[in-house]
Amino acid sequence: MKKLAFLLTTLFLVLLLAACGGNSSSDSDDSKATGEAAEEASSNVAAGDAEYKIRASIGLNSEHPQYKGLLKFKEIVEAETDGAIAVETYHSGQLGDDRTAMEALQLGSQEVTVPSTAPVANFIPEYAVFDIPFLFPNEQVADAVLDGKVGTKLLEMLDEQNLVGLAYWENGFRDMSNSKHPIESIADFDGLKIRTMENDLHLAAFRELGANPTPMAFTELFTALQQGTVDGQENPLSTIYLEGFHEVQDYVSDTHHIYTPFVFLVSKPFFDGLPAEYQEIVRSAAVEAGQYQREINREANEEYKQGLIDEGVEFTEMSEEAIAEMRDAVKPVVEEFSEKIGKELVDEIYQAVEDAQ
């Protein structure tokens, strides 16, 4: 009897403690934390269940229209494949600069990157055609040429580098900033130490203008400007503003010396391994996201210009005469590099520009 009473008492206490424990924990912080952890785990499990994973990286920060375009790409791909393809996005050079990311794509250790066309020229010399100064008069002509026969021809060349080119996005017209003085004419370039991309045509053009160009990785640029290693740099207004260069640069001039596209690249080993249906979804998503990215980039340009002025930057609008003087000064460089790029391709793109106007 004593043994039976002991068992019944023990059972009663266990049930009582279980009931109290269940009631007391329902609204506790621990319970909330557990719920959040479970929700995060559920999300991770969903991503882990994807058949394919795309790691997509860019060099610019999360506020740039380029990154917003990348998020649009992610949204389309994951929706259209019902989550069979999961897209992870990385900004601010988290996975390395443009060249590093391109090399990772070639090796198959990364799936997507969207670099400027200038570093692509280190892999395919013909891509230097996009670095010809004053090639495009406006964005609309650039769109027509890039989305047309010549642009497609250049995308197809990427195949030989173990890359797949799917679309062109927009970096935009490149403008000058510096910490020394306003740039109002070609004479104001004299002796300026200017950071450029690792691109021979860019380097040669700035030397012809009288500057002292210095190639440098984008991830090192802000510190170099801050420390005075270089006096200035050239990038679209979106990059100048969103990267905070106005904190270390007092002058900006709308030189519009080069229009730079982004090119949407996929690792060929990865792309070839996708089913045809998924290949088409990725291809269409790159184009659709690119159209969206171009649109928001252009809408934001005036805001970026005003933002720079509000931050105390002295903004100079270049005269047509000053632009013409710069264009004439770099003609020898254009002629020299036309031979290296391929005279036939250069003539073809100039014809496409003329036809698009």
Protein backbone atom coordinates (compact mmCIF):
# COMPACT_ATOMS: atom_id res chain seq x y z
CA MET A 1 0.00 0.00 0.00
CA LYS A 2 2.81 2.37 0.92
CA LYS A 3 4.46 1.61 -2.40
CA LEU A 4 1.22 2.31 -4.30
CA ALA A 5 0.65 5.57 -2.41
CA PHE A 6 4.22 6.69 -3.19
CA LEU A 7 3.70 6.01 -6.92
CA LEU A 8 0.38 7.89 -7.01
CA THR A 9 1.91 10.88 -5.19
CA THR A 10 4.88 10.97 -7.56
CA LEU A 11 2.57 10.80 -10.59
CA PHE A 12 0.44 13.64 -9.23
CA LEU A 13 3.49 15.87 -8.67
CA VAL A 14 4.82 15.19 -12.18
CA LEU A 15 1.48 16.12 -13.75
CA LEU A 16 1.21 19.24 -11.61
CA LEU A 17 4.70 20.47 -12.53
CA ALA A 18 4.09 19.78 -16.21
CA ALA A 19 0.85 21.78 -16.16
CA CYS A 20 2.44 24.72 -14.34
CA GLY A 21 5.45 24.69 -16.60
CA GLY A 22 3.27 24.80 -19.73
CA ASN A 23 1.24 27.76 -18.48
CA SER A 24 4.14 29.84 -17.16
CA SER A 25 6.31 29.70 -20.29
CA SER A 26 3.75 30.69 -22.94
CA ASP A 27 4.47 34.45 -22.83
CA SER A 28 8.05 34.41 -21.65
CA ASP A 29 10.99 36.02 -23.48
CA ASP A 30 12.53 32.59 -23.82
CA SER A 31 9.45 31.38 -25.62
CA LYS A 32 9.58 34.33 -28.04
CA ALA A 33 13.26 33.75 -28.70
CA THR A 34 12.56 30.11 -29.37
CA GLY A 35 9.80 31.09 -31.80
CA GLU A 36 12.11 33.50 -33.65
CA ALA A 37 14.83 30.86 -33.81
CA ALA A 38 12.33 28.32 -35.12
CA GLU A 39 11.14 30.78 -37.77
CA GLU A 40 14.76 31.48 -38.84
CA ALA A 41 15.51 27.75 -38.85
CA SER A 42 12.42 27.17 -40.98
CA SER A 43 13.65 29.82 -43.44
CA ASN A 44 17.10 28.23 -43.55
CA VAL A 45 15.58 24.81 -44.09
CA ALA A 46 13.56 26.20 -47.00
CA ALA A 47 16.71 27.63 -48.57
CA GLY A 48 18.51 24.39 -47.87
CA ASP A 49 15.77 22.50 -49.68
CA ALA A 50 16.49 24.40 -52.93
CA GLU A 51 17.89 22.28 -55.75
CA TYR A 52 20.32 25.02 -56.80
CA LYS A 53 21.97 27.98 -55.06
CA ILE A 54 23.13 31.20 -56.69
CA ARG A 55 25.62 33.41 -54.85
CA ALA A 56 25.33 36.80 -56.56
CA SER A 57 27.79 39.57 -55.67
CA ILE A 58 28.48 43.19 -56.59
CA GLY A 59 31.10 45.71 -55.50
CA LEU A 60 28.74 48.60 -54.68
CA ASN A 61 26.76 49.06 -51.47
CA SER A 62 23.24 48.02 -50.55
CA GLU A 63 21.71 51.44 -51.31
CA HIS A 64 22.87 51.49 -54.93
CA PRO A 65 20.32 50.79 -57.72
CA GLN A 66 22.60 47.94 -58.81
CA TYR A 67 21.91 46.08 -55.57
CA LYS A 68 18.19 46.81 -55.82
CA GLY A 69 18.33 45.26 -59.28
CA LEU A 70 20.01 42.20 -57.76
CA LEU A 71 17.18 41.90 -55.23
CA LYS A 72 14.67 42.11 -58.10
CA PHE A 73 16.55 39.28 -59.85
CA LYS A 74 16.36 37.20 -56.66
CA GLU A 75 12.63 37.87 -56.32
CA ILE A 76 11.87 36.80 -59.91
CA VAL A 77 14.05 33.68 -59.93
CA GLU A 78 12.83 32.32 -56.60
CA ALA A 79 9.19 32.99 -57.50
CA GLU A 80 9.39 31.55 -61.02
CA THR A 81 11.18 28.38 -59.87
CA ASP A 82 8.97 27.95 -56.77
CA GLY A 83 12.10 28.09 -54.62
CA ALA A 84 13.99 25.44 -56.56
CA ILE A 85 16.72 28.06 -57.06
CA ALA A 86 17.73 30.06 -53.98
CA VAL A 87 19.59 33.35 -54.57
CA GLU A 88 21.98 34.76 -51.95
CA THR A 89 22.95 38.41 -52.56
CA TYR A 90 26.20 40.10 -51.48
CA HIS A 91 27.10 43.79 -51.79
CA SER A 92 30.07 46.05 -51.00
CA GLY A 93 32.64 43.62 -52.36
CA GLN A 94 31.90 41.06 -49.63
CA LEU A 95 33.01 38.27 -51.95
CA GLY A 96 35.80 40.30 -53.56
CA ASP A 97 36.13 42.94 -56.26
CA ASP A 98 34.88 42.59 -59.85
CA ARG A 99 37.93 40.73 -61.11
CA THR A 100 38.00 38.35 -58.15
CA ALA A 101 34.32 37.57 -58.60
CA MET A 102 34.75 36.95 -62.34
CA GLU A 103 37.59 34.53 -61.66
CA ALA A 104 35.40 32.74 -59.10
CA LEU A 105 32.71 32.35 -61.78
CA GLN A 106 35.25 30.88 -64.19
CA LEU A 107 36.29 28.34 -61.55
CA GLY A 108 32.69 27.53 -60.68
CA SER A 109 33.09 28.58 -57.04
CA GLN A 110 30.54 31.41 -57.42
CA GLU A 111 27.52 31.69 -59.70
CA VAL A 112 26.68 35.35 -60.53
CA THR A 113 28.34 38.77 -60.57
CA VAL A 114 27.48 42.05 -62.32
CA PRO A 115 30.72 43.97 -63.00
CA SER A 116 31.35 47.08 -65.04
CA THR A 117 32.44 46.25 -68.56
CA ALA A 118 35.86 47.87 -68.02
CA PRO A 119 37.38 45.02 -65.96
CA VAL A 120 35.81 42.54 -68.38
CA ALA A 121 38.23 43.94 -70.99
CA ASN A 122 41.06 42.29 -69.03
CA PHE A 123 39.53 38.96 -70.05
CA ILE A 124 38.13 39.89 -73.48
CA PRO A 125 39.96 42.82 -75.16
CA GLU A 126 36.96 43.64 -77.36
CA TYR A 127 35.06 44.84 -74.28
CA ALA A 128 37.31 47.90 -74.25
CA VAL A 129 35.02 49.22 -77.00
CA PHE A 130 32.69 50.39 -74.19
CA ASP A 131 35.53 52.48 -72.76
CA ILE A 132 35.86 54.69 -75.82
CA PRO A 133 35.39 58.22 -74.48
CA PHE A 134 32.25 60.06 -75.57
CA LEU A 135 30.92 57.05 -77.50
CA PHE A 136 27.28 57.32 -76.42
CA PRO A 137 25.47 60.70 -76.50
CA ASN A 138 22.69 59.62 -74.10
CA GLU A 139 21.19 56.64 -72.26
CA GLN A 140 18.56 55.89 -74.90
CA VAL A 141 21.17 55.40 -77.62
CA ALA A 142 23.21 53.25 -75.24
CA ASP A 143 20.16 51.02 -74.60
CA ALA A 144 19.53 50.55 -78.32
CA VAL A 145 23.13 49.56 -79.03
CA LEU A 146 23.58 47.33 -75.98
CA ASP A 147 20.31 45.48 -76.52
CA GLY A 148 20.91 45.20 -80.25
CA LYS A 149 23.16 43.22 -82.57
CA VAL A 150 26.52 44.58 -81.35
CA GLY A 151 25.68 44.12 -77.69
CA THR A 152 24.55 40.54 -78.29
CA LYS A 153 27.72 39.81 -80.25
CA LEU A 154 29.84 40.90 -77.30
CA LEU A 155 27.81 38.85 -74.81
CA GLU A 156 28.41 35.75 -76.92
CA MET A 157 32.18 36.28 -76.69
CA LEU A 158 32.04 35.55 -72.95
CA ASP A 159 31.45 31.87 -73.61
CA GLU A 160 35.13 31.33 -74.44
CA GLN A 161 36.03 32.60 -70.96
CA ASN A 162 33.79 30.06 -69.20
CA LEU A 163 31.23 32.82 -68.57
CA VAL A 164 27.67 33.40 -69.76
CA GLY A 165 26.56 36.98 -70.42
CA LEU A 166 22.81 37.44 -70.06
CA ALA A 167 22.10 41.18 -70.07
CA TYR A 168 23.40 44.71 -69.70
CA TRP A 169 22.51 46.80 -66.67
CA GLU A 170 23.50 50.44 -66.12
CA ASN A 171 26.38 51.96 -64.24
CA GLY A 172 25.95 55.21 -66.17
CA PHE A 173 27.85 58.23 -67.36
CA ARG A 174 31.08 58.67 -65.44
CA ASP A 175 31.83 62.07 -63.87
CA MET A 176 34.84 63.52 -62.09
CA SER A 177 35.31 64.35 -58.41
CA ASN A 178 38.43 65.66 -56.68
CA SER A 179 39.67 67.46 -53.59
CA LYS A 180 41.82 70.14 -55.27
CA HIS A 181 39.78 72.45 -57.48
CA PRO A 182 36.79 72.59 -59.86
CA ILE A 183 37.28 70.93 -63.25
CA GLU A 184 35.90 73.35 -65.83
CA SER A 185 38.23 72.68 -68.75
CA ILE A 186 40.93 70.30 -69.90
CA ALA A 187 43.57 72.49 -68.24
CA ASP A 188 42.16 71.57 -64.82
CA PHE A 189 43.23 67.93 -65.24
CA ASP A 190 46.90 68.90 -65.25
CA GLY A 191 48.79 66.90 -62.61
CA LEU A 192 45.71 65.56 -60.81
CA LYS A 193 46.23 62.11 -59.29
CA ILE A 194 43.11 60.25 -60.37
CA ARG A 195 42.10 56.73 -59.41
CA THR A 196 40.91 54.67 -62.37
CA MET A 197 39.96 51.07 -62.92
CA GLU A 198 42.60 48.63 -64.11
CA ASN A 199 41.92 49.46 -67.75
CA ASP A 200 44.55 50.49 -70.28
CA LEU A 201 42.25 52.69 -72.35
CA HIS A 202 41.11 54.64 -69.27
CA LEU A 203 44.71 55.12 -68.19
CA ALA A 204 45.80 56.31 -71.64
CA ALA A 205 42.86 58.71 -72.00
CA PHE A 206 43.52 60.42 -68.66
CA ARG A 207 47.20 60.75 -69.43
CA GLU A 208 46.23 62.45 -72.69
CA LEU A 209 44.08 64.87 -70.69
CA GLY A 210 47.12 65.73 -68.53
CA ALA A 211 46.17 63.80 -65.38
CA ASN A 212 48.22 61.26 -63.44
CA PRO A 213 45.96 58.17 -63.41
CA THR A 214 46.46 55.42 -60.84
CA PRO A 215 44.73 52.02 -61.15
CA MET A 216 43.30 50.81 -57.86
CA ALA A 217 40.70 48.35 -56.57
CA PHE A 218 37.39 50.02 -55.80
CA THR A 219 37.37 48.60 -52.28
CA GLU A 220 40.53 50.63 -51.52
CA LEU A 221 39.30 53.89 -53.02
CA PHE A 222 37.65 55.71 -50.09
CA THR A 223 40.71 55.27 -47.86
CA ALA A 224 43.00 56.42 -50.69
CA LEU A 225 40.92 59.58 -51.16
CA GLN A 226 40.79 60.18 -47.42
CA GLN A 227 44.54 59.83 -47.01
CA GLY A 228 45.38 61.85 -50.13
CA THR A 229 46.98 58.93 -51.94
CA VAL A 230 44.92 60.12 -54.92
CA ASP A 231 43.27 63.51 -55.46
CA GLY A 232 40.18 62.33 -57.25
CA GLN A 233 38.26 59.61 -59.01
CA GLU A 234 35.67 59.13 -61.74
CA ASN A 235 32.37 57.32 -61.36
CA PRO A 236 28.64 57.88 -61.96
CA LEU A 237 26.89 60.27 -59.56
CA SER A 238 25.11 57.35 -57.90
CA THR A 239 28.43 55.84 -56.85
CA ILE A 240 29.95 59.18 -55.82
CA TYR A 241 27.01 59.94 -53.54
CA LEU A 242 26.13 56.52 -52.15
CA GLU A 243 29.75 55.61 -51.40
CA GLY A 244 30.10 58.85 -49.43
CA PHE A 245 32.92 60.25 -51.55
CA HIS A 246 31.57 63.75 -50.86
CA GLU A 247 32.98 63.35 -47.35
CA VAL A 248 36.50 63.48 -48.81
CA GLN A 249 35.90 65.26 -52.16
CA ASP A 250 34.95 68.92 -52.53
CA TYR A 251 34.36 69.20 -56.27
CA VAL A 252 32.29 67.28 -58.83
CA SER A 253 32.06 67.98 -62.57
CA ASP A 254 29.61 66.34 -65.00
CA THR A 255 32.25 65.42 -67.56
CA HIS A 256 30.15 62.46 -68.81
CA HIS A 257 33.36 61.23 -70.42
CA ILE A 258 32.40 57.54 -70.58
CA TYR A 259 29.11 55.65 -70.39
CA THR A 260 29.69 52.40 -68.51
CA PRO A 261 27.29 49.45 -68.59
CA PHE A 262 27.22 46.62 -66.09
CA VAL A 263 27.22 43.15 -67.63
CA PHE A 264 25.26 40.36 -65.93
CA LEU A 265 27.50 37.29 -65.77
CA VAL A 266 26.79 33.70 -64.80
CA SER A 267 29.31 30.91 -64.28
CA LYS A 268 29.16 28.72 -67.39
CA PRO A 269 29.67 25.45 -65.47
CA PHE A 270 26.72 26.39 -63.24
CA PHE A 271 24.49 27.65 -66.06
CA ASP A 272 25.16 24.61 -68.24
CA GLY A 273 24.19 22.40 -65.31
CA LEU A 274 20.73 23.95 -65.00
CA PRO A 275 17.72 22.35 -66.70
CA ALA A 276 16.68 24.24 -69.85
CA GLU A 277 13.56 25.56 -68.11
CA TYR A 278 15.60 27.09 -65.30
CA GLN A 279 18.15 28.50 -67.75
CA GLU A 280 15.38 30.44 -69.45
CA ILE A 281 14.02 31.71 -66.12
CA VAL A 282 17.47 32.96 -65.07
CA ARG A 283 18.02 34.57 -68.48
CA SER A 284 14.64 36.34 -68.48
CA ALA A 285 15.09 37.44 -64.85
CA ALA A 286 18.46 39.02 -65.66
CA VAL A 287 16.88 41.03 -68.50
CA GLU A 288 13.77 42.06 -66.54
CA ALA A 289 15.76 43.02 -63.44
CA GLY A 290 18.14 44.97 -65.69
CA GLN A 291 15.32 47.03 -67.18
CA TYR A 292 14.09 47.78 -63.67
CA GLN A 293 17.63 48.70 -62.54
CA ARG A 294 18.16 51.10 -65.46
CA GLU A 295 14.88 52.84 -64.69
CA ILE A 296 15.52 53.42 -61.00
CA ASN A 297 19.13 54.41 -61.67
CA ARG A 298 18.02 57.20 -64.01
CA GLU A 299 15.24 58.37 -61.71
CA ALA A 300 17.75 58.71 -58.87
CA ASN A 301 20.45 60.66 -60.73
CA GLU A 302 18.96 64.11 -60.12
CA GLU A 303 18.46 63.22 -56.46
CA TYR A 304 22.10 62.21 -56.16
CA LYS A 305 23.21 65.46 -57.80
CA GLN A 306 21.11 67.52 -55.41
CA GLY A 307 22.28 65.40 -52.50
CA LEU A 308 25.92 66.17 -53.33
CA ILE A 309 25.15 69.90 -53.52
CA ASP A 310 23.28 69.74 -50.20
CA GLU A 311 26.34 68.10 -48.65
CA GLY A 312 28.45 71.11 -49.66
CA VAL A 313 30.04 69.82 -52.85
CA GLU A 314 30.76 72.43 -55.54
CA PHE A 315 29.09 71.07 -58.69
CA THR A 316 30.32 72.20 -62.12
CA GLU A 317 28.28 71.74 -65.27
CA MET A 318 30.71 71.36 -68.15
CA SER A 319 30.20 73.55 -71.21
CA GLU A 320 29.79 72.03 -74.67
CA GLU A 321 33.06 73.70 -75.65
CA ALA A 322 34.93 72.07 -72.77
CA ILE A 323 33.51 68.63 -73.64
CA ALA A 324 34.45 69.12 -77.30
CA GLU A 325 38.00 70.03 -76.26
CA MET A 326 38.27 66.87 -74.18
CA ARG A 327 36.85 64.77 -77.02
CA ASP A 328 39.41 66.16 -79.46
CA ALA A 329 42.27 65.61 -76.99
CA VAL A 330 41.60 61.87 -76.65
CA LYS A 331 41.15 61.16 -80.38
CA PRO A 332 44.73 59.79 -80.70
CA VAL A 333 43.95 57.33 -77.89
CA VAL A 334 40.73 56.24 -79.59
CA GLU A 335 42.60 55.67 -82.85
CA GLU A 336 45.37 53.72 -81.13
CA PHE A 337 43.01 51.45 -79.22
CA SER A 338 40.69 50.95 -82.17
CA GLU A 339 43.43 48.81 -83.70
CA LYS A 340 43.82 46.80 -80.48
CA ILE A 341 40.08 46.37 -79.97
CA GLY A 342 39.44 45.57 -83.61
CA LYS A 343 38.75 48.24 -86.21
CA GLU A 344 35.80 46.30 -87.60
CA LEU A 345 34.08 46.13 -84.20
CA VAL A 346 34.76 49.82 -83.49
CA ASP A 347 33.29 50.82 -86.85
CA GLU A 348 30.32 48.55 -86.19
CA ILE A 349 29.51 50.12 -82.85
CA TYR A 350 29.90 53.67 -84.18
CA GLN A 351 27.48 52.73 -86.98
CA ALA A 352 25.06 51.31 -84.43
CA VAL A 353 25.26 54.57 -82.43
CA GLU A 354 24.52 56.57 -85.57
CA ASP A 355 21.60 54.31 -86.50
CA ALA A 356 20.15 54.59 -82.98
CA GLN A 357 20.05 58.39 -83.02
